Amino acid sequence: MPGNHWDWSMPTPFSQGWRIEKVSESDIVARFRLKNIFLDIIKSEALLGETHLERFGDLPGPMTLAITVRAPEDVDEYMRRIEAASAPIVAAAEDKPSGPRILYAADPEGHIWEIGWFPAAEPAEPVT
């Protein structure tokens, strides 16, 4: 791991033992799948913007554990359940400009969970 860059394309005992699969990466976030849950490592300023926080304070960051749901209304159902359990909502469910509906909540240890619905990518128009 030279400098601040980790080469996730190279298998490691950690990633092989846990069967972590890198599923996407951009300039803002790297997403990894661990069975049926995602781990997002995200730039601090991007996560602060998404959650509308000024700083993380006692919350761990900048990473989220992410759950993808099947429909936008499922995000709202999760939010109702989280509120009923008196767990902290970090950022209420909202439709993002790029299309997904996402909410952020914190577990008892302060880890940020992202619960989101992401629309399927539309097929590209054929080039004529």
C-alpha atoms as a PDB file:
ATOM      1  CA  MET A   1       0.000   0.000   0.000  1.00  0.00           C
ATOM      2  CA  PRO A   2       2.207   2.832  -1.209  1.00  0.00           C
ATOM      3  CA  GLY A   3       1.228   6.251   0.096  1.00  0.00           C
ATOM      4  CA  ASN A   4      -2.514   6.634   0.662  1.00  0.00           C
ATOM      5  CA  HIS A   5      -3.555   4.291  -2.140  1.00  0.00           C
ATOM      6  CA  TRP A   6      -4.648   0.693  -1.638  1.00  0.00           C
ATOM      7  CA  ASP A   7      -4.674  -1.516  -4.723  1.00  0.00           C
ATOM      8  CA  TRP A   8      -7.942  -3.441  -4.255  1.00  0.00           C
ATOM      9  CA  SER A   9      -7.446  -5.255  -7.559  1.00  0.00           C
ATOM     10  CA  MET A  10      -4.721  -7.362  -5.926  1.00  0.00           C
ATOM     11  CA  PRO A  11      -6.021 -10.265  -3.820  1.00  0.00           C
ATOM     12  CA  THR A  12      -5.009 -10.145  -0.166  1.00  0.00           C
ATOM     13  CA  PRO A  13      -5.521 -12.641   2.653  1.00  0.00           C
ATOM     14  CA  PHE A  14      -8.100 -10.196   4.025  1.00  0.00           C
ATOM     15  CA  SER A  15     -10.143  -9.899   0.823  1.00  0.00           C
ATOM     16  CA  GLN A  16      -9.828 -13.587  -0.026  1.00  0.00           C
ATOM     17  CA  GLY A  17     -10.773 -14.767   3.467  1.00  0.00           C
ATOM     18  CA  TRP A  18     -13.830 -12.544   3.600  1.00  0.00           C
ATOM     19  CA  ARG A  19     -14.678 -12.925  -0.091  1.00  0.00           C
ATOM     20  CA  ILE A  20     -14.815  -9.179  -0.546  1.00  0.00           C
ATOM     21  CA  GLU A  21     -15.593  -8.226  -4.118  1.00  0.00           C
ATOM     22  CA  LYS A  22     -14.924  -4.733  -5.408  1.00  0.00           C
ATOM     23  CA  VAL A  23     -17.988  -3.844  -7.453  1.00  0.00           C
ATOM     24  CA  SER A  24     -17.378  -0.208  -8.390  1.00  0.00           C
ATOM     25  CA  GLU A  25     -15.054   2.725  -7.961  1.00  0.00           C
ATOM     26  CA  SER A  26     -15.131   6.409  -8.845  1.00  0.00           C
ATOM     27  CA  ASP A  27     -13.268   9.525  -7.771  1.00  0.00           C
ATOM     28  CA  ILE A  28     -15.685   9.763  -4.830  1.00  0.00           C
ATOM     29  CA  VAL A  29     -16.444   6.221  -3.634  1.00  0.00           C
ATOM     30  CA  ALA A  30     -15.241   2.640  -3.792  1.00  0.00           C
ATOM     31  CA  ARG A  31     -17.931  -0.014  -3.209  1.00  0.00           C
ATOM     32  CA  PHE A  32     -17.248  -3.532  -2.002  1.00  0.00           C
ATOM     33  CA  ARG A  33     -19.700  -6.431  -1.686  1.00  0.00           C
ATOM     34  CA  LEU A  34     -19.550  -8.818   1.268  1.00  0.00           C
ATOM     35  CA  LYS A  35     -22.291 -11.362   0.580  1.00  0.00           C
ATOM     36  CA  ASN A  36     -25.535  -9.329   0.761  1.00  0.00           C
ATOM     37  CA  ILE A  37     -24.163  -6.048   2.145  1.00  0.00           C
ATOM     38  CA  PHE A  38     -22.005  -3.307   0.692  1.00  0.00           C
ATOM     39  CA  LEU A  39     -19.156  -1.372   2.256  1.00  0.00           C
ATOM     40  CA  ASP A  40     -18.683   2.080   0.736  1.00  0.00           C
ATOM     41  CA  ILE A  41     -15.461   3.965   1.351  1.00  0.00           C
ATOM     42  CA  ILE A  42     -16.319   7.512   0.425  1.00  0.00           C
ATOM     43  CA  LYS A  43     -14.528  10.851   0.399  1.00  0.00           C
ATOM     44  CA  SER A  44     -15.251  12.704   3.637  1.00  0.00           C
ATOM     45  CA  GLU A  45     -16.562  15.826   1.945  1.00  0.00           C
ATOM     46  CA  ALA A  46     -18.932  13.767  -0.229  1.00  0.00           C
ATOM     47  CA  LEU A  47     -20.376  11.868   2.756  1.00  0.00           C
ATOM     48  CA  LEU A  48     -20.731  15.089   4.745  1.00  0.00           C
ATOM     49  CA  GLY A  49     -22.640  16.568   1.805  1.00  0.00           C
ATOM     50  CA  GLU A  50     -24.888  13.509   1.403  1.00  0.00           C
ATOM     51  CA  THR A  51     -25.741  13.377   5.108  1.00  0.00           C
ATOM     52  CA  HIS A  52     -25.974  17.183   5.526  1.00  0.00           C
ATOM     53  CA  LEU A  53     -23.549  17.003   8.474  1.00  0.00           C
ATOM     54  CA  GLU A  54     -20.984  19.729   9.150  1.00  0.00           C
ATOM     55  CA  ARG A  55     -18.536  17.234  10.674  1.00  0.00           C
ATOM     56  CA  PHE A  56     -18.548  13.618  11.814  1.00  0.00           C
ATOM     57  CA  GLY A  57     -17.995  14.383  15.496  1.00  0.00           C
ATOM     58  CA  ASP A  58     -18.113  11.063  17.347  1.00  0.00           C
ATOM     59  CA  LEU A  59     -19.424   9.205  14.279  1.00  0.00           C
ATOM     60  CA  PRO A  60     -16.959   6.974  12.446  1.00  0.00           C
ATOM     61  CA  GLY A  61     -16.337   8.143   8.916  1.00  0.00           C
ATOM     62  CA  PRO A  62     -15.887   8.320   6.012  1.00  0.00           C
ATOM     63  CA  MET A  63     -17.438   4.951   5.269  1.00  0.00           C
ATOM     64  CA  THR A  64     -20.929   3.540   5.213  1.00  0.00           C
ATOM     65  CA  LEU A  65     -22.478   0.128   5.332  1.00  0.00           C
ATOM     66  CA  ALA A  66     -25.047   0.084   2.557  1.00  0.00           C
ATOM     67  CA  ILE A  67     -28.245  -1.852   2.020  1.00  0.00           C
ATOM     68  CA  THR A  68     -29.951  -1.688  -1.372  1.00  0.00           C
ATOM     69  CA  VAL A  69     -33.720  -2.142  -1.357  1.00  0.00           C
ATOM     70  CA  ARG A  70     -36.093  -3.120  -4.171  1.00  0.00           C
ATOM     71  CA  ALA A  71     -38.361  -0.049  -4.304  1.00  0.00           C
ATOM     72  CA  PRO A  72     -38.266   3.624  -3.263  1.00  0.00           C
ATOM     73  CA  GLU A  73     -41.058   3.098  -0.711  1.00  0.00           C
ATOM     74  CA  ASP A  74     -38.900   0.459   1.022  1.00  0.00           C
ATOM     75  CA  VAL A  75     -36.508   3.270   2.025  1.00  0.00           C
ATOM     76  CA  ASP A  76     -39.402   5.030   3.771  1.00  0.00           C
ATOM     77  CA  GLU A  77     -40.443   1.793   5.518  1.00  0.00           C
ATOM     78  CA  TYR A  78     -36.895   1.376   6.856  1.00  0.00           C
ATOM     79  CA  MET A  79     -36.981   4.957   8.102  1.00  0.00           C
ATOM     80  CA  ARG A  80     -40.278   4.308   9.953  1.00  0.00           C
ATOM     81  CA  ARG A  81     -38.776   1.198  11.573  1.00  0.00           C
ATOM     82  CA  ILE A  82     -35.587   3.022  12.559  1.00  0.00           C
ATOM     83  CA  GLU A  83     -37.557   5.895  14.081  1.00  0.00           C
ATOM     84  CA  ALA A  84     -39.844   3.442  15.930  1.00  0.00           C
ATOM     85  CA  ALA A  85     -36.729   1.852  17.449  1.00  0.00           C
ATOM     86  CA  SER A  86     -35.546   5.341  18.544  1.00  0.00           C
ATOM     87  CA  ALA A  87     -32.332   4.905  16.559  1.00  0.00           C
ATOM     88  CA  PRO A  88     -30.719   8.068  15.183  1.00  0.00           C
ATOM     89  CA  ILE A  89     -31.546   9.168  11.652  1.00  0.00           C
ATOM     90  CA  VAL A  90     -28.448  10.928  10.307  1.00  0.00           C
ATOM     91  CA  ALA A  91     -30.201  12.172   7.140  1.00  0.00           C
ATOM     92  CA  ALA A  92     -33.887  11.533   6.387  1.00  0.00           C
ATOM     93  CA  ALA A  93     -34.958   9.707   3.232  1.00  0.00           C
ATOM     94  CA  GLU A  94     -34.727  11.931   0.202  1.00  0.00           C
ATOM     95  CA  ASP A  95     -34.656  11.677  -3.571  1.00  0.00           C
ATOM     96  CA  LYS A  96     -31.210  12.549  -4.861  1.00  0.00           C
ATOM     97  CA  PRO A  97     -30.777  14.575  -8.088  1.00  0.00           C
ATOM     98  CA  SER A  98     -29.078  11.614  -9.769  1.00  0.00           C
ATOM     99  CA  GLY A  99     -32.153   9.394  -9.193  1.00  0.00           C
ATOM    100  CA  PRO A 100     -31.733   7.236  -6.074  1.00  0.00           C
ATOM    101  CA  ARG A 101     -33.761   7.538  -2.853  1.00  0.00           C
ATOM    102  CA  ILE A 102     -31.454   7.283   0.172  1.00  0.00           C
ATOM    103  CA  LEU A 103     -31.531   7.627   3.935  1.00  0.00           C
ATOM    104  CA  TYR A 104     -28.663   7.525   6.419  1.00  0.00           C
ATOM    105  CA  ALA A 105     -28.961   6.188   9.965  1.00  0.00           C
ATOM    106  CA  ALA A 106     -26.492   5.325  12.717  1.00  0.00           C
ATOM    107  CA  ASP A 107     -26.244   2.088  14.661  1.00  0.00           C
ATOM    108  CA  PRO A 108     -25.577   2.035  18.446  1.00  0.00           C
ATOM    109  CA  GLU A 109     -21.804   2.269  17.844  1.00  0.00           C
ATOM    110  CA  GLY A 110     -22.268   5.276  15.541  1.00  0.00           C
ATOM    111  CA  HIS A 111     -21.519   3.555  12.221  1.00  0.00           C
ATOM    112  CA  ILE A 112     -23.387   5.194   9.360  1.00  0.00           C
ATOM    113  CA  TRP A 113     -25.735   2.941   7.389  1.00  0.00           C
ATOM    114  CA  GLU A 114     -26.945   3.922   3.941  1.00  0.00           C
ATOM    115  CA  ILE A 115     -30.296   2.465   2.919  1.00  0.00           C
ATOM    116  CA  GLY A 116     -31.096   3.197  -0.672  1.00  0.00           C
ATOM    117  CA  TRP A 117     -33.023   2.410  -3.798  1.00  0.00           C
ATOM    118  CA  PHE A 118     -31.125   2.931  -7.012  1.00  0.00           C
ATOM    119  CA  PRO A 119     -32.963   3.073 -10.352  1.00  0.00           C
ATOM    120  CA  ALA A 120     -31.775   0.659 -13.000  1.00  0.00           C
ATOM    121  CA  ALA A 121     -29.537   2.251 -15.584  1.00  0.00           C
ATOM    122  CA  GLU A 122     -31.406   2.994 -18.771  1.00  0.00           C
ATOM    123  CA  PRO A 123     -30.017   1.272 -21.837  1.00  0.00           C
ATOM    124  CA  ALA A 124     -27.930   3.525 -24.026  1.00  0.00           C
ATOM    125  CA  GLU A 125     -29.527   4.752 -27.224  1.00  0.00           C
ATOM    126  CA  PRO A 126     -28.141   2.929 -30.234  1.00  0.00           C
ATOM    127  CA  VAL A 127     -25.743   5.006 -32.273  1.00  0.00           C
ATOM    128  CA  THR A 128     -26.941   5.405 -35.842  1.00  0.00           C
END
